[in-house]
Amino acid sequence: MRILMVCLGNICRSPLAEGILKLKVRQNNLDWKVDSAGTSGWHEGDLPDKRSIEIAAKNGLDITDQRSRKFVRADFEDFDLILAMDSSNYQNILALAQNESDKDKVKLILNYAYPDQNRAVPDPYYDNGFPRVYTMLEKACQDIVQTYV
């Protein structure tokens, strides 16, 4: 299984989701590839936001090996599942899809925790909601593992 987490800048939500799911993959001895990207590319090459790094560290994760990158059309070929953090990023990803197979790979991440509710992971960048976002992503990632194992 190859999973890509996607938010806007790839510095807050998707790096946390990547780190959380990578930990669960290791804990469950799964042969999965997990990565993250952003639809904007504004922070390409940057470390995750320091607040994401801090909340990850408080939860035993080190995400300082991650660097922001932009979501590209080739990601449809490289990943089996593409998880958007909110509907805006979901739509931006779908805009690059070339066929129904590409579109079928794209899901909202919180639909694993809250099926068919289409909830968004709020962007913590401006309101400093990193602890809440971490908790939401931790639950979603646990449910992802349970869904596919």
N, C-alpha and C. Protein backbone atom coordinates (compact mmCIF):
# COMPACT_ATOMS: atom_id res chain seq x y z
N MET A 1 0.85 -1.18 0.00
CA MET A 1 0.00 0.00 0.00
C MET A 1 0.89 1.23 0.00
N ARG A 2 0.58 2.16 -0.86
CA ARG A 2 1.32 3.43 -0.95
C ARG A 2 0.33 4.57 -0.72
N ILE A 3 0.55 5.34 0.35
CA ILE A 3 -0.41 6.35 0.79
C ILE A 3 0.25 7.72 0.81
N LEU A 4 -0.46 8.71 0.24
CA LEU A 4 0.01 10.10 0.22
C LEU A 4 -0.97 10.97 0.99
N MET A 5 -0.46 11.72 1.96
CA MET A 5 -1.25 12.68 2.73
C MET A 5 -1.09 14.05 2.08
N VAL A 6 -2.19 14.78 1.90
CA VAL A 6 -2.11 16.06 1.19
C VAL A 6 -2.90 17.15 1.91
N CYS A 7 -2.21 18.28 2.15
CA CYS A 7 -2.87 19.49 2.64
C CYS A 7 -2.46 20.64 1.73
N LEU A 8 -2.58 21.86 2.18
CA LEU A 8 -2.29 23.01 1.33
C LEU A 8 -0.79 23.26 1.18
N GLY A 9 -0.11 23.48 2.29
CA GLY A 9 1.30 23.86 2.22
C GLY A 9 2.29 22.74 2.52
N ASN A 10 1.78 21.61 3.01
CA ASN A 10 2.62 20.48 3.40
C ASN A 10 3.61 20.86 4.49
N ILE A 11 3.12 21.68 5.44
CA ILE A 11 3.95 22.01 6.60
C ILE A 11 3.25 21.78 7.94
N CYS A 12 1.93 21.63 7.94
CA CYS A 12 1.20 21.46 9.21
C CYS A 12 0.49 20.11 9.30
N ARG A 13 -0.59 19.96 8.56
CA ARG A 13 -1.44 18.78 8.71
C ARG A 13 -0.85 17.52 8.06
N SER A 14 -0.49 17.61 6.80
CA SER A 14 -0.03 16.39 6.12
C SER A 14 1.29 15.84 6.69
N PRO A 15 2.23 16.70 7.15
CA PRO A 15 3.41 16.10 7.79
C PRO A 15 3.06 15.34 9.08
N LEU A 16 2.10 15.87 9.84
CA LEU A 16 1.66 15.15 11.04
C LEU A 16 1.02 13.83 10.66
N ALA A 17 0.14 13.86 9.66
CA ALA A 17 -0.52 12.63 9.22
C ALA A 17 0.51 11.61 8.72
N GLU A 18 1.50 12.09 7.97
CA GLU A 18 2.56 11.20 7.50
C GLU A 18 3.30 10.56 8.67
N GLY A 19 3.71 11.38 9.62
CA GLY A 19 4.46 10.87 10.77
C GLY A 19 3.66 9.88 11.61
N ILE A 20 2.39 10.20 11.84
CA ILE A 20 1.53 9.33 12.64
C ILE A 20 1.34 7.98 11.94
N LEU A 21 1.03 8.03 10.63
CA LEU A 21 0.79 6.78 9.92
C LEU A 21 2.07 5.96 9.79
N LYS A 22 3.21 6.61 9.58
CA LYS A 22 4.47 5.87 9.52
C LYS A 22 4.73 5.11 10.82
N LEU A 23 4.43 5.73 11.95
CA LEU A 23 4.59 5.06 13.23
C LEU A 23 3.68 3.83 13.31
N LYS A 24 2.44 3.97 12.91
CA LYS A 24 1.50 2.86 12.96
C LYS A 24 1.92 1.74 11.99
N VAL A 25 2.48 2.12 10.86
CA VAL A 25 3.00 1.14 9.89
C VAL A 25 4.12 0.32 10.53
N ARG A 26 5.04 1.02 11.22
CA ARG A 26 6.14 0.31 11.90
C ARG A 26 5.61 -0.58 13.02
N GLN A 27 4.69 -0.07 13.81
CA GLN A 27 4.14 -0.83 14.94
C GLN A 27 3.42 -2.10 14.48
N ASN A 28 2.86 -2.06 13.28
CA ASN A 28 2.10 -3.19 12.76
C ASN A 28 2.88 -4.01 11.72
N ASN A 29 4.17 -3.70 11.57
CA ASN A 29 5.03 -4.41 10.61
C ASN A 29 4.42 -4.49 9.21
N LEU A 30 3.93 -3.35 8.74
CA LEU A 30 3.29 -3.29 7.43
C LEU A 30 4.30 -2.85 6.38
N ASP A 31 4.14 -3.34 5.19
CA ASP A 31 5.00 -2.96 4.07
C ASP A 31 4.31 -1.86 3.27
N TRP A 32 4.17 -0.70 3.89
CA TRP A 32 3.50 0.44 3.28
C TRP A 32 4.49 1.57 3.07
N LYS A 33 4.28 2.34 2.05
CA LYS A 33 5.02 3.58 1.81
C LYS A 33 4.08 4.72 2.16
N VAL A 34 4.56 5.67 2.96
CA VAL A 34 3.75 6.83 3.35
C VAL A 34 4.55 8.08 3.06
N ASP A 35 3.90 9.06 2.45
CA ASP A 35 4.55 10.33 2.11
C ASP A 35 3.50 11.43 2.26
N SER A 36 3.92 12.68 2.05
CA SER A 36 2.99 13.80 2.09
C SER A 36 3.38 14.85 1.07
N ALA A 37 2.41 15.70 0.75
CA ALA A 37 2.61 16.77 -0.23
C ALA A 37 1.59 17.87 0.03
N GLY A 38 1.79 18.99 -0.64
CA GLY A 38 0.85 20.10 -0.54
C GLY A 38 0.37 20.52 -1.92
N THR A 39 -0.84 21.00 -1.99
CA THR A 39 -1.37 21.40 -3.29
C THR A 39 -0.80 22.74 -3.75
N SER A 40 -0.26 23.53 -2.84
CA SER A 40 0.19 24.88 -3.21
C SER A 40 1.65 24.95 -3.65
N GLY A 41 2.52 24.20 -3.03
CA GLY A 41 3.94 24.31 -3.34
C GLY A 41 4.60 25.55 -2.77
N TRP A 42 3.88 26.31 -1.94
CA TRP A 42 4.42 27.56 -1.38
C TRP A 42 5.65 27.35 -0.50
N HIS A 43 5.73 26.21 0.14
CA HIS A 43 6.80 25.96 1.12
C HIS A 43 7.77 24.88 0.65
N GLU A 44 7.86 24.67 -0.64
CA GLU A 44 8.66 23.58 -1.18
C GLU A 44 10.08 23.58 -0.60
N GLY A 45 10.47 22.41 -0.06
CA GLY A 45 11.79 22.24 0.52
C GLY A 45 11.89 22.60 1.99
N ASP A 46 10.83 23.19 2.55
CA ASP A 46 10.86 23.61 3.95
C ASP A 46 10.56 22.45 4.90
N LEU A 47 11.07 22.58 6.12
CA LEU A 47 10.70 21.68 7.21
C LEU A 47 9.23 21.89 7.55
N PRO A 48 8.61 20.93 8.23
CA PRO A 48 7.27 21.17 8.76
C PRO A 48 7.29 22.39 9.70
N ASP A 49 6.15 23.00 9.88
CA ASP A 49 5.98 24.11 10.81
C ASP A 49 6.52 23.69 12.18
N LYS A 50 7.18 24.61 12.88
CA LYS A 50 7.79 24.26 14.17
C LYS A 50 6.75 23.76 15.17
N ARG A 51 5.51 24.22 15.04
CA ARG A 51 4.46 23.76 15.95
C ARG A 51 4.04 22.32 15.64
N SER A 52 4.10 21.93 14.37
CA SER A 52 3.86 20.53 14.01
C SER A 52 4.98 19.65 14.56
N ILE A 53 6.21 20.14 14.41
CA ILE A 53 7.36 19.40 14.94
C ILE A 53 7.23 19.23 16.46
N GLU A 54 6.80 20.29 17.16
CA GLU A 54 6.66 20.25 18.61
C GLU A 54 5.57 19.28 19.07
N ILE A 55 4.38 19.33 18.44
CA ILE A 55 3.30 18.43 18.87
C ILE A 55 3.65 16.99 18.52
N ALA A 56 4.34 16.79 17.41
CA ALA A 56 4.78 15.44 17.06
C ALA A 56 5.76 14.93 18.12
N ALA A 57 6.72 15.76 18.49
CA ALA A 57 7.72 15.36 19.49
C ALA A 57 7.07 15.05 20.83
N LYS A 58 6.05 15.83 21.22
CA LYS A 58 5.34 15.56 22.47
C LYS A 58 4.67 14.19 22.45
N ASN A 59 4.42 13.70 21.25
CA ASN A 59 3.77 12.40 21.09
C ASN A 59 4.75 11.32 20.62
N GLY A 60 6.04 11.59 20.78
CA GLY A 60 7.05 10.59 20.49
C GLY A 60 7.43 10.43 19.03
N LEU A 61 7.09 11.42 18.20
CA LEU A 61 7.41 11.35 16.77
C LEU A 61 8.45 12.40 16.39
N ASP A 62 9.34 12.04 15.51
CA ASP A 62 10.29 12.98 14.94
C ASP A 62 9.95 13.13 13.46
N ILE A 63 9.47 14.31 13.07
CA ILE A 63 9.12 14.55 11.67
C ILE A 63 10.09 15.51 10.99
N THR A 64 11.26 15.68 11.60
CA THR A 64 12.21 16.65 11.05
C THR A 64 12.95 16.14 9.81
N ASP A 65 12.70 14.89 9.41
CA ASP A 65 13.29 14.39 8.18
C ASP A 65 12.41 14.73 6.96
N GLN A 66 11.24 15.28 7.21
CA GLN A 66 10.31 15.62 6.13
C GLN A 66 10.61 16.99 5.55
N ARG A 67 10.34 17.14 4.25
CA ARG A 67 10.46 18.43 3.56
C ARG A 67 9.22 18.61 2.70
N SER A 68 8.72 19.82 2.68
CA SER A 68 7.53 20.12 1.90
C SER A 68 7.79 19.93 0.40
N ARG A 69 6.78 19.40 -0.27
CA ARG A 69 6.84 19.28 -1.72
C ARG A 69 5.43 19.47 -2.28
N LYS A 70 5.38 19.82 -3.53
CA LYS A 70 4.10 20.06 -4.19
C LYS A 70 3.53 18.76 -4.75
N PHE A 71 2.21 18.59 -4.62
CA PHE A 71 1.51 17.48 -5.24
C PHE A 71 1.59 17.65 -6.75
N VAL A 72 1.93 16.56 -7.43
CA VAL A 72 2.05 16.59 -8.89
C VAL A 72 1.25 15.44 -9.50
N ARG A 73 0.93 15.58 -10.76
CA ARG A 73 0.12 14.58 -11.46
C ARG A 73 0.72 13.17 -11.35
N ALA A 74 2.04 13.06 -11.36
CA ALA A 74 2.70 11.75 -11.26
C ALA A 74 2.38 11.03 -9.95
N ASP A 75 1.94 11.77 -8.94
CA ASP A 75 1.58 11.14 -7.67
C ASP A 75 0.43 10.14 -7.83
N PHE A 76 -0.41 10.35 -8.83
CA PHE A 76 -1.48 9.37 -9.08
C PHE A 76 -0.91 8.01 -9.46
N GLU A 77 0.22 8.01 -10.14
CA GLU A 77 0.86 6.76 -10.54
C GLU A 77 1.63 6.13 -9.38
N ASP A 78 2.17 6.98 -8.51
CA ASP A 78 3.04 6.52 -7.44
C ASP A 78 2.32 6.07 -6.17
N PHE A 79 1.05 6.42 -6.03
CA PHE A 79 0.32 6.13 -4.80
C PHE A 79 -1.00 5.42 -5.08
N ASP A 80 -1.37 4.53 -4.16
CA ASP A 80 -2.63 3.78 -4.25
C ASP A 80 -3.79 4.55 -3.61
N LEU A 81 -3.45 5.38 -2.61
CA LEU A 81 -4.45 6.11 -1.85
C LEU A 81 -3.92 7.51 -1.59
N ILE A 82 -4.72 8.52 -1.92
CA ILE A 82 -4.33 9.92 -1.74
C ILE A 82 -5.36 10.53 -0.80
N LEU A 83 -4.90 10.95 0.37
CA LEU A 83 -5.79 11.42 1.43
C LEU A 83 -5.71 12.93 1.61
N ALA A 84 -6.79 13.61 1.29
CA ALA A 84 -6.87 15.06 1.42
C ALA A 84 -7.34 15.44 2.81
N MET A 85 -6.83 16.57 3.31
CA MET A 85 -7.20 17.03 4.64
C MET A 85 -8.52 17.78 4.66
N ASP A 86 -8.93 18.35 3.52
CA ASP A 86 -10.19 19.09 3.46
C ASP A 86 -10.72 19.12 2.03
N SER A 87 -11.92 19.65 1.86
CA SER A 87 -12.57 19.61 0.55
C SER A 87 -11.88 20.48 -0.48
N SER A 88 -11.28 21.58 -0.06
CA SER A 88 -10.56 22.44 -1.00
C SER A 88 -9.37 21.69 -1.62
N ASN A 89 -8.58 21.05 -0.78
CA ASN A 89 -7.45 20.26 -1.28
C ASN A 89 -7.93 19.05 -2.06
N TYR A 90 -9.03 18.45 -1.64
CA TYR A 90 -9.63 17.33 -2.36
C TYR A 90 -9.94 17.76 -3.80
N GLN A 91 -10.57 18.91 -3.95
CA GLN A 91 -10.92 19.41 -5.28
C GLN A 91 -9.67 19.76 -6.10
N ASN A 92 -8.67 20.33 -5.46
CA ASN A 92 -7.42 20.66 -6.17
C ASN A 92 -6.72 19.41 -6.67
N ILE A 93 -6.77 18.34 -5.90
CA ILE A 93 -6.18 17.07 -6.32
C ILE A 93 -6.96 16.50 -7.50
N LEU A 94 -8.29 16.48 -7.37
CA LEU A 94 -9.12 15.94 -8.44
C LEU A 94 -8.93 16.69 -9.76
N ALA A 95 -8.63 17.98 -9.68
CA ALA A 95 -8.43 18.78 -10.89
C ALA A 95 -7.25 18.28 -11.72
N LEU A 96 -6.33 17.57 -11.09
CA LEU A 96 -5.17 17.04 -11.80
C LEU A 96 -5.38 15.60 -12.27
N ALA A 97 -6.48 14.99 -11.86
CA ALA A 97 -6.75 13.60 -12.23
C ALA A 97 -6.99 13.51 -13.74
N GLN A 98 -6.47 12.43 -14.32
CA GLN A 98 -6.63 12.24 -15.76
C GLN A 98 -7.73 11.25 -16.11
N ASN A 99 -8.19 10.48 -15.12
CA ASN A 99 -9.21 9.48 -15.40
C ASN A 99 -9.91 9.08 -14.10
N GLU A 100 -10.90 8.20 -14.24
CA GLU A 100 -11.66 7.75 -13.07
C GLU A 100 -10.81 6.97 -12.08
N SER A 101 -9.84 6.24 -12.59
CA SER A 101 -8.94 5.49 -11.71
C SER A 101 -8.18 6.44 -10.78
N ASP A 102 -7.71 7.56 -11.33
CA ASP A 102 -7.04 8.57 -10.51
C ASP A 102 -8.01 9.12 -9.46
N LYS A 103 -9.20 9.47 -9.88
CA LYS A 103 -10.19 10.05 -8.96
C LYS A 103 -10.56 9.09 -7.84
N ASP A 104 -10.63 7.81 -8.16
CA ASP A 104 -11.01 6.81 -7.16
C ASP A 104 -9.99 6.68 -6.03
N LYS A 105 -8.77 7.11 -6.26
CA LYS A 105 -7.71 7.03 -5.24
C LYS A 105 -7.83 8.13 -4.19
N VAL A 106 -8.59 9.19 -4.48
CA VAL A 106 -8.63 10.37 -3.62
C VAL A 106 -9.78 10.27 -2.63
N LYS A 107 -9.45 10.44 -1.36
CA LYS A 107 -10.43 10.38 -0.27
C LYS A 107 -10.14 11.50 0.73
N LEU A 108 -11.16 11.84 1.50
CA LEU A 108 -10.96 12.74 2.64
C LEU A 108 -10.51 11.90 3.83
N ILE A 109 -9.43 12.27 4.46
CA ILE A 109 -8.85 11.45 5.52
C ILE A 109 -9.81 11.21 6.68
N LEU A 110 -10.58 12.21 7.07
CA LEU A 110 -11.46 12.02 8.24
C LEU A 110 -12.65 11.12 7.95
N ASN A 111 -12.89 10.77 6.68
CA ASN A 111 -13.95 9.82 6.40
C ASN A 111 -13.62 8.42 6.93
N TYR A 112 -12.36 8.18 7.25
CA TYR A 112 -12.00 6.91 7.89
C TYR A 112 -12.45 6.89 9.34
N ALA A 113 -12.38 8.04 10.00
CA ALA A 113 -12.81 8.13 11.39
C ALA A 113 -14.31 8.42 11.51
N TYR A 114 -14.83 9.16 10.54
CA TYR A 114 -16.24 9.57 10.53
C TYR A 114 -16.82 9.31 9.14
N PRO A 115 -17.15 8.05 8.83
CA PRO A 115 -17.56 7.68 7.48
C PRO A 115 -18.68 8.55 6.91
N ASP A 116 -18.45 8.96 5.67
CA ASP A 116 -19.43 9.71 4.87
C ASP A 116 -19.83 11.06 5.45
N GLN A 117 -19.07 11.59 6.40
CA GLN A 117 -19.41 12.90 6.96
C GLN A 117 -18.64 14.03 6.28
N ASN A 118 -17.63 13.69 5.51
CA ASN A 118 -16.85 14.68 4.76
C ASN A 118 -16.34 15.82 5.64
N ARG A 119 -15.87 15.47 6.82
CA ARG A 119 -15.31 16.47 7.74
C ARG A 119 -13.92 16.89 7.28
N ALA A 120 -13.59 18.12 7.60
CA ALA A 120 -12.27 18.66 7.28
C ALA A 120 -11.37 18.62 8.50
N VAL A 121 -10.08 18.40 8.26
CA VAL A 121 -9.08 18.61 9.29
C VAL A 121 -8.80 20.11 9.24
N PRO A 122 -9.13 20.86 10.29
CA PRO A 122 -8.93 22.31 10.23
C PRO A 122 -7.45 22.66 10.14
N ASP A 123 -7.15 23.72 9.42
CA ASP A 123 -5.77 24.18 9.29
C ASP A 123 -5.37 24.87 10.58
N PRO A 124 -4.40 24.31 11.32
CA PRO A 124 -4.02 24.89 12.61
C PRO A 124 -3.06 26.07 12.51
N TYR A 125 -2.68 26.43 11.31
CA TYR A 125 -1.64 27.45 11.11
C TYR A 125 -1.98 28.77 11.80
N TYR A 126 -3.23 29.22 11.69
CA TYR A 126 -3.59 30.54 12.23
C TYR A 126 -4.18 30.49 13.63
N ASP A 127 -4.83 29.38 14.01
CA ASP A 127 -5.45 29.34 15.33
C ASP A 127 -4.68 28.51 16.35
N ASN A 128 -3.51 27.99 15.93
CA ASN A 128 -2.64 27.20 16.82
C ASN A 128 -3.36 25.96 17.36
N GLY A 129 -4.21 25.36 16.53
CA GLY A 129 -4.97 24.18 16.96
C GLY A 129 -4.23 22.87 16.74
N PHE A 130 -2.93 22.87 16.91
CA PHE A 130 -2.12 21.68 16.63
C PHE A 130 -2.47 20.47 17.50
N PRO A 131 -2.71 20.63 18.81
CA PRO A 131 -3.07 19.46 19.61
C PRO A 131 -4.37 18.80 19.12
N ARG A 132 -5.36 19.61 18.80
CA ARG A 132 -6.64 19.07 18.31
C ARG A 132 -6.46 18.36 16.98
N VAL A 133 -5.69 18.96 16.08
CA VAL A 133 -5.43 18.35 14.77
C VAL A 133 -4.68 17.04 14.94
N TYR A 134 -3.71 17.01 15.84
CA TYR A 134 -2.96 15.78 16.09
C TYR A 134 -3.92 14.66 16.51
N THR A 135 -4.80 14.96 17.43
CA THR A 135 -5.76 13.97 17.93
C THR A 135 -6.66 13.46 16.82
N MET A 136 -7.14 14.35 15.97
CA MET A 136 -8.00 13.96 14.85
C MET A 136 -7.25 13.04 13.89
N LEU A 137 -6.02 13.40 13.57
CA LEU A 137 -5.24 12.62 12.62
C LEU A 137 -4.82 11.28 13.21
N GLU A 138 -4.57 11.24 14.50
CA GLU A 138 -4.20 9.98 15.15
C GLU A 138 -5.36 8.99 15.04
N LYS A 139 -6.57 9.46 15.29
CA LYS A 139 -7.74 8.57 15.17
C LYS A 139 -7.93 8.12 13.73
N ALA A 140 -7.84 9.04 12.78
CA ALA A 140 -8.02 8.69 11.38
C ALA A 140 -6.97 7.67 10.93
N CYS A 141 -5.73 7.88 11.34
CA CYS A 141 -4.66 6.95 10.93
C CYS A 141 -4.86 5.57 11.53
N GLN A 142 -5.33 5.52 12.77
CA GLN A 142 -5.63 4.22 13.37
C GLN A 142 -6.72 3.51 12.59
N ASP A 143 -7.74 4.26 12.18
CA ASP A 143 -8.84 3.67 11.42
C ASP A 143 -8.39 3.26 10.01
N ILE A 144 -7.45 3.97 9.44
CA ILE A 144 -6.89 3.59 8.13
C ILE A 144 -6.23 2.22 8.24
N VAL A 145 -5.40 2.06 9.27
CA VAL A 145 -4.71 0.78 9.47
C VAL A 145 -5.74 -0.33 9.66
N GLN A 146 -6.74 -0.09 10.48
CA GLN A 146 -7.77 -1.12 10.73
C GLN A 146 -8.55 -1.45 9.45
N THR A 147 -8.73 -0.47 8.59
CA THR A 147 -9.47 -0.69 7.34
C THR A 147 -8.71 -1.59 6.36
N TYR A 148 -7.40 -1.42 6.30
CA TYR A 148 -6.63 -2.10 5.25
C TYR A 148 -5.80 -3.30 5.73
N VAL A 149 -5.84 -3.60 7.02
CA VAL A 149 -5.08 -4.74 7.53
C VAL A 149 -6.00 -5.92 7.78
